[in-house]
């Protein structure tokens, strides 16, 4: 499956035709509680990741939150 992630085209042969956003997050090795996703211009709630289908050509913006900093 071909997806555009943060403006970069990427190929994911391991994603099946019925893949969901949760499958992509697992493949990318991201922690569910530190990620926000926009799919084709719409924010996808974390609760719907297991239901939200991916389609070849989808454009995703993935933001990964990182802790740290000073007080």
C-alpha atoms as a PDB file:
ATOM      1  CA  UNK A   1       0.000   0.000   0.000  1.00  0.00           C
ATOM      2  CA  UNK A   2       1.294   3.452  -0.881  1.00  0.00           C
ATOM      3  CA  UNK A   3       0.700   6.247   1.633  1.00  0.00           C
ATOM      4  CA  UNK A   4       1.932   9.821   1.923  1.00  0.00           C
ATOM      5  CA  UNK A   5       3.136  10.408   5.478  1.00  0.00           C
ATOM      6  CA  UNK A   6       4.059  13.931   6.510  1.00  0.00           C
ATOM      7  CA  UNK A   7       4.466  14.849   2.854  1.00  0.00           C
ATOM      8  CA  UNK A   8       6.702  11.880   1.961  1.00  0.00           C
ATOM      9  CA  UNK A   9       5.461   9.025  -0.257  1.00  0.00           C
ATOM     10  CA  UNK A  10       6.076   5.650   1.384  1.00  0.00           C
ATOM     11  CA  UNK A  11       5.341   2.091   0.373  1.00  0.00           C
ATOM     12  CA  UNK A  12       4.014  -0.431   2.907  1.00  0.00           C
ATOM     13  CA  UNK A  13       3.848  -3.869   1.254  1.00  0.00           C
ATOM     14  CA  UNK A  14       3.115  -5.425   4.648  1.00  0.00           C
ATOM     15  CA  UNK A  15      -0.253  -3.620   4.911  1.00  0.00           C
ATOM     16  CA  UNK A  16      -3.196  -5.663   3.655  1.00  0.00           C
ATOM     17  CA  UNK A  17      -5.973  -4.149   1.555  1.00  0.00           C
ATOM     18  CA  UNK A  18      -8.201  -4.032   4.665  1.00  0.00           C
ATOM     19  CA  UNK A  19      -5.551  -2.365   6.881  1.00  0.00           C
ATOM     20  CA  UNK A  20      -6.526   0.074   9.606  1.00  0.00           C
ATOM     21  CA  UNK A  21      -4.694   3.027  11.109  1.00  0.00           C
ATOM     22  CA  UNK A  22      -3.878   0.896  14.162  1.00  0.00           C
ATOM     23  CA  UNK A  23      -2.000  -1.519  11.858  1.00  0.00           C
ATOM     24  CA  UNK A  24       0.129   1.316  10.492  1.00  0.00           C
ATOM     25  CA  UNK A  25       0.945   2.605  13.980  1.00  0.00           C
ATOM     26  CA  UNK A  26       2.118  -0.891  14.957  1.00  0.00           C
ATOM     27  CA  UNK A  27       4.304  -1.194  11.835  1.00  0.00           C
ATOM     28  CA  UNK A  28       5.846   2.208  12.504  1.00  0.00           C
ATOM     29  CA  UNK A  29       6.545   1.174  16.115  1.00  0.00           C
ATOM     30  CA  UNK A  30       4.848   4.231  17.589  1.00  0.00           C
ATOM     31  CA  UNK A  31       3.270   4.355  21.049  1.00  0.00           C
ATOM     32  CA  UNK A  32      -0.491   4.875  20.820  1.00  0.00           C
ATOM     33  CA  UNK A  33      -0.623   7.360  23.679  1.00  0.00           C
ATOM     34  CA  UNK A  34       1.925   9.718  22.106  1.00  0.00           C
ATOM     35  CA  UNK A  35       0.586  10.065  18.569  1.00  0.00           C
ATOM     36  CA  UNK A  36      -1.983  12.253  16.815  1.00  0.00           C
ATOM     37  CA  UNK A  37      -3.111  11.459  13.262  1.00  0.00           C
ATOM     38  CA  UNK A  38      -4.779  13.386  10.488  1.00  0.00           C
ATOM     39  CA  UNK A  39      -6.038  11.385   7.495  1.00  0.00           C
ATOM     40  CA  UNK A  40      -6.831  13.244   4.288  1.00  0.00           C
ATOM     41  CA  UNK A  41      -7.362  16.480   6.201  1.00  0.00           C
ATOM     42  CA  UNK A  42      -9.476  15.044   9.035  1.00  0.00           C
ATOM     43  CA  UNK A  43      -8.258  14.357  12.555  1.00  0.00           C
ATOM     44  CA  UNK A  44      -8.799  10.706  13.482  1.00  0.00           C
ATOM     45  CA  UNK A  45      -9.620  10.069  17.130  1.00  0.00           C
ATOM     46  CA  UNK A  46      -7.515   7.454  18.856  1.00  0.00           C
ATOM     47  CA  UNK A  47     -10.686   5.517  19.728  1.00  0.00           C
ATOM     48  CA  UNK A  48     -11.443   4.964  16.034  1.00  0.00           C
ATOM     49  CA  UNK A  49      -7.980   3.838  14.870  1.00  0.00           C
ATOM     50  CA  UNK A  50      -9.024   0.172  14.836  1.00  0.00           C
ATOM     51  CA  UNK A  51     -12.028   1.049  12.647  1.00  0.00           C
ATOM     52  CA  UNK A  52     -10.476   3.668  10.334  1.00  0.00           C
ATOM     53  CA  UNK A  53      -9.554   2.048   7.023  1.00  0.00           C
ATOM     54  CA  UNK A  54      -6.427   2.977   5.108  1.00  0.00           C
ATOM     55  CA  UNK A  55      -6.554   3.271   1.336  1.00  0.00           C
ATOM     56  CA  UNK A  56      -3.641   3.431  -1.045  1.00  0.00           C
ATOM     57  CA  UNK A  57      -2.885   7.093  -1.726  1.00  0.00           C
ATOM     58  CA  UNK A  58      -4.130   8.356   1.645  1.00  0.00           C
ATOM     59  CA  UNK A  59      -2.332  11.414   2.995  1.00  0.00           C
ATOM     60  CA  UNK A  60      -1.512  11.183   6.669  1.00  0.00           C
ATOM     61  CA  UNK A  61       0.026  13.690   9.017  1.00  0.00           C
ATOM     62  CA  UNK A  62       1.446  11.956  12.063  1.00  0.00           C
ATOM     63  CA  UNK A  63       2.611  13.942  15.067  1.00  0.00           C
ATOM     64  CA  UNK A  64       4.609  12.128  17.708  1.00  0.00           C
ATOM     65  CA  UNK A  65       4.717  13.847  21.083  1.00  0.00           C
ATOM     66  CA  UNK A  66       7.989  13.819  22.975  1.00  0.00           C
ATOM     67  CA  UNK A  67       8.419  14.567  26.675  1.00  0.00           C
ATOM     68  CA  UNK A  68      11.200  16.468  28.284  1.00  0.00           C
ATOM     69  CA  UNK A  69      12.363  20.004  28.724  1.00  0.00           C
ATOM     70  CA  UNK A  70      13.281  22.061  31.724  1.00  0.00           C
ATOM     71  CA  UNK A  71      11.243  23.552  34.547  1.00  0.00           C
END
